[in-house]
Amino acid sequence: MQVVLVGLVGYGLWAGEPKVVTNGTAGLAITFAPAVIDRNYRVAIDPFLAFWITTAVFLHTLGSAGLYSSVGWWDHLTHATSASIIAAIGYILVRAIDAHHDEIVLPRRFFVVFVVSFVLAFGVLWELFEYGLDVVAATTGIEMPLAQHGLDDTVKDLVFNSIGALIVGLWGQAYLTGVGERIAERIADRGSK
């Protein structure tokens, strides 16, 4: 996937497509995050988790290279996938806090509610960000790498964000708990030094 992203950035530079270059470069940088986290913080990222992150970024970058406009359901796929990554980050952070602090005890049922709420809040902020980019684009005439396509699109985006969040909320306890606990251990190790 990284090779394809490098190819997309190269194509964007050759074709004079700043949107493809911006999204491709950002996507490529994000694909290196698992290795950087492992190297800098000594928190090994499970290969499936690294693949999951890379897939979300890869799908978005392909969308910005033309699939958003040519494949009607592509935006829904990328919103659900990206929301699942945001949900996983929220779950891991809350799990790490729960595991690190003895005085904080969070019921397991809380995690599903938190993950869905976290993703919905993030999704609303994202939609406001896209709206702000639309205002800037309309005012300046500069084409933005992201765009909002009306109220129907915003509602659909939030629905697919919720689907991604629910999948992680229900499945995350089985898969992501260990990641949160490893992060809590790293926090405890750094605190004791």
C-alpha atoms as a PDB file:
ATOM      1  CA  MET A   1       0.000   0.000   0.000  1.00  0.00           C
ATOM      2  CA  GLN A   2       2.898   2.338   0.734  1.00  0.00           C
ATOM      3  CA  VAL A   3       4.263   1.743  -2.777  1.00  0.00           C
ATOM      4  CA  VAL A   4       0.885   2.683  -4.278  1.00  0.00           C
ATOM      5  CA  LEU A   5       0.777   5.820  -2.092  1.00  0.00           C
ATOM      6  CA  VAL A   6       4.261   6.829  -3.296  1.00  0.00           C
ATOM      7  CA  GLY A   7       3.019   6.253  -6.837  1.00  0.00           C
ATOM      8  CA  LEU A   8      -0.029   8.448  -6.210  1.00  0.00           C
ATOM      9  CA  VAL A   9       2.139  11.257  -4.816  1.00  0.00           C
ATOM     10  CA  GLY A  10       4.394  10.966  -7.863  1.00  0.00           C
ATOM     11  CA  TYR A  11       1.396  11.057 -10.180  1.00  0.00           C
ATOM     12  CA  GLY A  12       0.004  14.083  -8.326  1.00  0.00           C
ATOM     13  CA  LEU A  13       3.300  15.933  -8.743  1.00  0.00           C
ATOM     14  CA  TRP A  14       3.521  14.993 -12.431  1.00  0.00           C
ATOM     15  CA  ALA A  15      -0.125  15.878 -13.189  1.00  0.00           C
ATOM     16  CA  GLY A  16      -0.179  19.046 -11.081  1.00  0.00           C
ATOM     17  CA  GLU A  17      -2.834  17.683  -8.688  1.00  0.00           C
ATOM     18  CA  PRO A  18      -2.163  19.294  -5.282  1.00  0.00           C
ATOM     19  CA  LYS A  19      -5.093  17.453  -3.662  1.00  0.00           C
ATOM     20  CA  VAL A  20      -3.597  14.072  -4.562  1.00  0.00           C
ATOM     21  CA  VAL A  21      -0.132  15.184  -3.405  1.00  0.00           C
ATOM     22  CA  THR A  22      -1.436  16.517  -0.072  1.00  0.00           C
ATOM     23  CA  ASN A  23      -3.602  13.506   0.746  1.00  0.00           C
ATOM     24  CA  GLY A  24      -1.030  11.025  -0.538  1.00  0.00           C
ATOM     25  CA  THR A  25       1.808  12.561   1.470  1.00  0.00           C
ATOM     26  CA  ALA A  26      -0.281  12.748   4.654  1.00  0.00           C
ATOM     27  CA  GLY A  27      -1.471   9.178   4.129  1.00  0.00           C
ATOM     28  CA  LEU A  28       2.052   7.917   3.542  1.00  0.00           C
ATOM     29  CA  ALA A  29       3.287   9.644   6.702  1.00  0.00           C
ATOM     30  CA  ILE A  30       0.490   8.051   8.763  1.00  0.00           C
ATOM     31  CA  THR A  31       1.408   4.569   7.511  1.00  0.00           C
ATOM     32  CA  PHE A  32       4.759   4.957   9.281  1.00  0.00           C
ATOM     33  CA  ALA A  33       3.088   5.754  12.648  1.00  0.00           C
ATOM     34  CA  PRO A  34       3.064   2.148  13.945  1.00  0.00           C
ATOM     35  CA  ALA A  35       6.824   1.796  13.332  1.00  0.00           C
ATOM     36  CA  VAL A  36       7.541   5.178  14.950  1.00  0.00           C
ATOM     37  CA  ILE A  37       5.430   4.301  18.003  1.00  0.00           C
ATOM     38  CA  ASP A  38       7.234   0.976  18.314  1.00  0.00           C
ATOM     39  CA  ARG A  39      10.673   2.575  17.959  1.00  0.00           C
ATOM     40  CA  ASN A  40      10.117   5.669  20.130  1.00  0.00           C
ATOM     41  CA  TYR A  41       7.799   4.321  22.826  1.00  0.00           C
ATOM     42  CA  ARG A  42       8.576   0.597  22.687  1.00  0.00           C
ATOM     43  CA  VAL A  43       4.913  -0.238  22.275  1.00  0.00           C
ATOM     44  CA  ALA A  44       4.703  -2.967  19.676  1.00  0.00           C
ATOM     45  CA  ILE A  45       1.774  -2.459  17.360  1.00  0.00           C
ATOM     46  CA  ASP A  46       0.100  -5.686  16.333  1.00  0.00           C
ATOM     47  CA  PRO A  47       0.513  -6.319  12.580  1.00  0.00           C
ATOM     48  CA  PHE A  48      -3.273  -6.447  12.118  1.00  0.00           C
ATOM     49  CA  LEU A  49      -3.625  -3.056  13.850  1.00  0.00           C
ATOM     50  CA  ALA A  50      -0.906  -1.577  11.611  1.00  0.00           C
ATOM     51  CA  PHE A  51      -2.682  -3.036   8.566  1.00  0.00           C
ATOM     52  CA  TRP A  52      -5.990  -1.560   9.786  1.00  0.00           C
ATOM     53  CA  ILE A  53      -4.498   1.940  10.095  1.00  0.00           C
ATOM     54  CA  THR A  54      -2.783   1.669   6.716  1.00  0.00           C
ATOM     55  CA  THR A  55      -5.974   0.442   5.052  1.00  0.00           C
ATOM     56  CA  ALA A  56      -8.006   3.388   6.348  1.00  0.00           C
ATOM     57  CA  VAL A  57      -5.463   5.904   5.083  1.00  0.00           C
ATOM     58  CA  PHE A  58      -5.009   4.039   1.816  1.00  0.00           C
ATOM     59  CA  LEU A  59      -8.755   3.969   1.078  1.00  0.00           C
ATOM     60  CA  HIS A  60      -9.079   7.703   1.785  1.00  0.00           C
ATOM     61  CA  THR A  61      -6.124   8.532  -0.443  1.00  0.00           C
ATOM     62  CA  LEU A  62      -7.528   6.450  -3.296  1.00  0.00           C
ATOM     63  CA  GLY A  63     -10.829   8.271  -2.790  1.00  0.00           C
ATOM     64  CA  SER A  64      -9.193  11.678  -3.070  1.00  0.00           C
ATOM     65  CA  ALA A  65      -7.438  10.506  -6.239  1.00  0.00           C
ATOM     66  CA  GLY A  66     -10.815  10.095  -7.958  1.00  0.00           C
ATOM     67  CA  LEU A  67     -12.808   7.266  -6.396  1.00  0.00           C
ATOM     68  CA  TYR A  68     -14.933   9.623  -4.265  1.00  0.00           C
ATOM     69  CA  SER A  69     -16.411  11.134  -7.404  1.00  0.00           C
ATOM     70  CA  SER A  70     -16.627   7.954  -9.483  1.00  0.00           C
ATOM     71  CA  VAL A  71     -17.732   5.338  -6.912  1.00  0.00           C
ATOM     72  CA  GLY A  72     -20.846   6.440  -5.018  1.00  0.00           C
ATOM     73  CA  TRP A  73     -20.324   4.288  -1.917  1.00  0.00           C
ATOM     74  CA  TRP A  74     -16.585   4.973  -1.527  1.00  0.00           C
ATOM     75  CA  ASP A  75     -17.158   7.875   0.895  1.00  0.00           C
ATOM     76  CA  HIS A  76     -19.300   5.624   3.121  1.00  0.00           C
ATOM     77  CA  LEU A  77     -16.598   2.951   3.168  1.00  0.00           C
ATOM     78  CA  THR A  78     -13.880   5.437   4.105  1.00  0.00           C
ATOM     79  CA  HIS A  79     -15.998   7.084   6.803  1.00  0.00           C
ATOM     80  CA  ALA A  80     -16.749   3.752   8.466  1.00  0.00           C
ATOM     81  CA  THR A  81     -13.115   2.653   8.226  1.00  0.00           C
ATOM     82  CA  SER A  82     -11.692   5.968   9.466  1.00  0.00           C
ATOM     83  CA  ALA A  83     -14.255   6.124  12.270  1.00  0.00           C
ATOM     84  CA  SER A  84     -13.186   2.657  13.350  1.00  0.00           C
ATOM     85  CA  ILE A  85      -9.605   3.946  13.710  1.00  0.00           C
ATOM     86  CA  ILE A  86     -10.787   6.950  15.756  1.00  0.00           C
ATOM     87  CA  ALA A  87     -12.893   4.581  17.870  1.00  0.00           C
ATOM     88  CA  ALA A  88      -9.882   2.324  18.436  1.00  0.00           C
ATOM     89  CA  ILE A  89      -7.755   5.289  19.526  1.00  0.00           C
ATOM     90  CA  GLY A  90     -10.479   6.423  21.932  1.00  0.00           C
ATOM     91  CA  TYR A  91     -10.876   2.901  23.293  1.00  0.00           C
ATOM     92  CA  ILE A  92      -7.129   2.424  23.774  1.00  0.00           C
ATOM     93  CA  LEU A  93      -6.764   5.771  25.569  1.00  0.00           C
ATOM     94  CA  VAL A  94      -9.652   5.112  27.958  1.00  0.00           C
ATOM     95  CA  ARG A  95      -8.465   1.558  28.563  1.00  0.00           C
ATOM     96  CA  ALA A  96      -4.948   2.829  29.322  1.00  0.00           C
ATOM     97  CA  ILE A  97      -6.326   5.373  31.812  1.00  0.00           C
ATOM     98  CA  ASP A  98      -8.530   2.710  33.398  1.00  0.00           C
ATOM     99  CA  ALA A  99      -5.612   0.279  33.723  1.00  0.00           C
ATOM    100  CA  HIS A 100      -3.098   2.916  34.904  1.00  0.00           C
ATOM    101  CA  HIS A 101      -5.099   4.551  37.692  1.00  0.00           C
ATOM    102  CA  ASP A 102      -6.368   2.300  40.497  1.00  0.00           C
ATOM    103  CA  GLU A 103      -8.809   4.944  41.678  1.00  0.00           C
ATOM    104  CA  ILE A 104     -10.506   5.035  38.260  1.00  0.00           C
ATOM    105  CA  VAL A 105     -12.746   2.049  37.608  1.00  0.00           C
ATOM    106  CA  LEU A 106     -14.783   2.083  34.441  1.00  0.00           C
ATOM    107  CA  PRO A 107     -17.508  -0.529  33.873  1.00  0.00           C
ATOM    108  CA  ARG A 108     -17.005  -2.586  30.714  1.00  0.00           C
ATOM    109  CA  ARG A 109     -20.385  -1.456  29.347  1.00  0.00           C
ATOM    110  CA  PHE A 110     -19.133   2.126  29.576  1.00  0.00           C
ATOM    111  CA  PHE A 111     -16.498   1.468  26.922  1.00  0.00           C
ATOM    112  CA  VAL A 112     -19.049   0.896  24.148  1.00  0.00           C
ATOM    113  CA  VAL A 113     -20.947   4.064  25.064  1.00  0.00           C
ATOM    114  CA  PHE A 114     -17.707   6.039  25.304  1.00  0.00           C
ATOM    115  CA  VAL A 115     -16.370   4.795  21.967  1.00  0.00           C
ATOM    116  CA  VAL A 116     -19.571   5.669  20.094  1.00  0.00           C
ATOM    117  CA  SER A 117     -19.810   9.081  21.809  1.00  0.00           C
ATOM    118  CA  PHE A 118     -16.124   9.785  21.129  1.00  0.00           C
ATOM    119  CA  VAL A 119     -16.501   9.008  17.433  1.00  0.00           C
ATOM    120  CA  LEU A 120     -19.728  11.005  17.083  1.00  0.00           C
ATOM    121  CA  ALA A 121     -18.124  14.033  18.745  1.00  0.00           C
ATOM    122  CA  PHE A 122     -15.038  13.701  16.547  1.00  0.00           C
ATOM    123  CA  GLY A 123     -17.271  13.287  13.477  1.00  0.00           C
ATOM    124  CA  VAL A 124     -19.184  16.476  14.253  1.00  0.00           C
ATOM    125  CA  LEU A 125     -15.906  18.381  14.670  1.00  0.00           C
ATOM    126  CA  TRP A 126     -14.683  16.915  11.373  1.00  0.00           C
ATOM    127  CA  GLU A 127     -17.836  18.004   9.554  1.00  0.00           C
ATOM    128  CA  LEU A 128     -17.464  21.522  10.997  1.00  0.00           C
ATOM    129  CA  PHE A 129     -13.846  21.515   9.805  1.00  0.00           C
ATOM    130  CA  GLU A 130     -14.971  20.524   6.288  1.00  0.00           C
ATOM    131  CA  TYR A 131     -17.600  23.279   6.382  1.00  0.00           C
ATOM    132  CA  GLY A 132     -14.895  25.777   7.381  1.00  0.00           C
ATOM    133  CA  LEU A 133     -12.772  24.649   4.436  1.00  0.00           C
ATOM    134  CA  ASP A 134     -15.763  25.179   2.142  1.00  0.00           C
ATOM    135  CA  VAL A 135     -16.146  28.739   3.465  1.00  0.00           C
ATOM    136  CA  VAL A 136     -12.441  29.410   2.897  1.00  0.00           C
ATOM    137  CA  ALA A 137     -12.634  27.903  -0.609  1.00  0.00           C
ATOM    138  CA  ALA A 138     -15.672  30.033  -1.488  1.00  0.00           C
ATOM    139  CA  THR A 139     -14.005  33.172  -0.157  1.00  0.00           C
ATOM    140  CA  THR A 140     -10.552  32.669  -1.677  1.00  0.00           C
ATOM    141  CA  GLY A 141     -11.283  30.535  -4.740  1.00  0.00           C
ATOM    142  CA  ILE A 142      -8.646  28.019  -3.623  1.00  0.00           C
ATOM    143  CA  GLU A 143      -9.622  24.362  -4.074  1.00  0.00           C
ATOM    144  CA  MET A 144      -9.457  22.506  -0.762  1.00  0.00           C
ATOM    145  CA  PRO A 145      -8.390  18.868  -0.302  1.00  0.00           C
ATOM    146  CA  LEU A 146     -11.639  18.134   1.586  1.00  0.00           C
ATOM    147  CA  ALA A 147     -15.167  19.252   0.864  1.00  0.00           C
ATOM    148  CA  GLN A 148     -18.616  19.026   2.358  1.00  0.00           C
ATOM    149  CA  HIS A 149     -21.422  18.144  -0.031  1.00  0.00           C
ATOM    150  CA  GLY A 150     -24.531  19.326   1.796  1.00  0.00           C
ATOM    151  CA  LEU A 151     -26.630  18.254   4.751  1.00  0.00           C
ATOM    152  CA  ASP A 152     -27.527  14.820   3.308  1.00  0.00           C
ATOM    153  CA  ASP A 153     -23.835  14.021   2.901  1.00  0.00           C
ATOM    154  CA  THR A 154     -23.094  15.157   6.468  1.00  0.00           C
ATOM    155  CA  VAL A 155     -25.851  12.957   7.919  1.00  0.00           C
ATOM    156  CA  LYS A 156     -24.691   9.939   5.884  1.00  0.00           C
ATOM    157  CA  ASP A 157     -21.111  10.560   7.024  1.00  0.00           C
ATOM    158  CA  LEU A 158     -22.217  10.561  10.668  1.00  0.00           C
ATOM    159  CA  VAL A 159     -24.281   7.376  10.163  1.00  0.00           C
ATOM    160  CA  PHE A 160     -21.282   5.521   8.699  1.00  0.00           C
ATOM    161  CA  ASN A 161     -19.059   6.950  11.447  1.00  0.00           C
ATOM    162  CA  SER A 162     -21.496   5.390  13.934  1.00  0.00           C
ATOM    163  CA  ILE A 163     -21.307   2.020  12.177  1.00  0.00           C
ATOM    164  CA  GLY A 164     -17.514   2.032  12.414  1.00  0.00           C
ATOM    165  CA  ALA A 165     -17.713   3.061  16.083  1.00  0.00           C
ATOM    166  CA  LEU A 166     -20.233   0.336  16.952  1.00  0.00           C
ATOM    167  CA  ILE A 167     -18.085  -2.342  15.359  1.00  0.00           C
ATOM    168  CA  VAL A 168     -15.089  -1.268  17.437  1.00  0.00           C
ATOM    169  CA  GLY A 169     -17.183  -0.683  20.549  1.00  0.00           C
ATOM    170  CA  LEU A 170     -18.517  -4.227  20.436  1.00  0.00           C
ATOM    171  CA  TRP A 171     -15.355  -5.915  19.162  1.00  0.00           C
ATOM    172  CA  GLY A 172     -12.696  -3.708  20.773  1.00  0.00           C
ATOM    173  CA  GLN A 173     -12.836  -5.277  24.217  1.00  0.00           C
ATOM    174  CA  ALA A 174     -11.672  -8.586  22.776  1.00  0.00           C
ATOM    175  CA  TYR A 175      -8.907  -7.179  20.591  1.00  0.00           C
ATOM    176  CA  LEU A 176      -7.768  -3.759  21.820  1.00  0.00           C
ATOM    177  CA  THR A 177      -7.641  -4.295  25.597  1.00  0.00           C
ATOM    178  CA  GLY A 178      -4.069  -5.583  25.418  1.00  0.00           C
ATOM    179  CA  VAL A 179      -2.914  -2.501  23.522  1.00  0.00           C
ATOM    180  CA  GLY A 180      -4.376  -0.201  26.182  1.00  0.00           C
ATOM    181  CA  GLU A 181      -2.717  -2.226  28.934  1.00  0.00           C
ATOM    182  CA  ARG A 182       0.693  -2.087  27.191  1.00  0.00           C
ATOM    183  CA  ILE A 183       0.372   1.692  26.950  1.00  0.00           C
ATOM    184  CA  ALA A 184      -0.562   1.853  30.642  1.00  0.00           C
ATOM    185  CA  GLU A 185       2.563  -0.183  31.458  1.00  0.00           C
ATOM    186  CA  ARG A 186       4.718   2.240  29.445  1.00  0.00           C
ATOM    187  CA  ILE A 187       3.148   5.190  31.301  1.00  0.00           C
ATOM    188  CA  ALA A 188       3.859   3.490  34.627  1.00  0.00           C
ATOM    189  CA  ASP A 189       7.463   2.736  33.570  1.00  0.00           C
ATOM    190  CA  ARG A 190       8.063   6.369  32.570  1.00  0.00           C
ATOM    191  CA  GLY A 191       6.455   7.599  35.805  1.00  0.00           C
ATOM    192  CA  SER A 192       8.749   5.456  37.934  1.00  0.00           C
ATOM    193  CA  LYS A 193      11.915   6.803  36.271  1.00  0.00           C
END
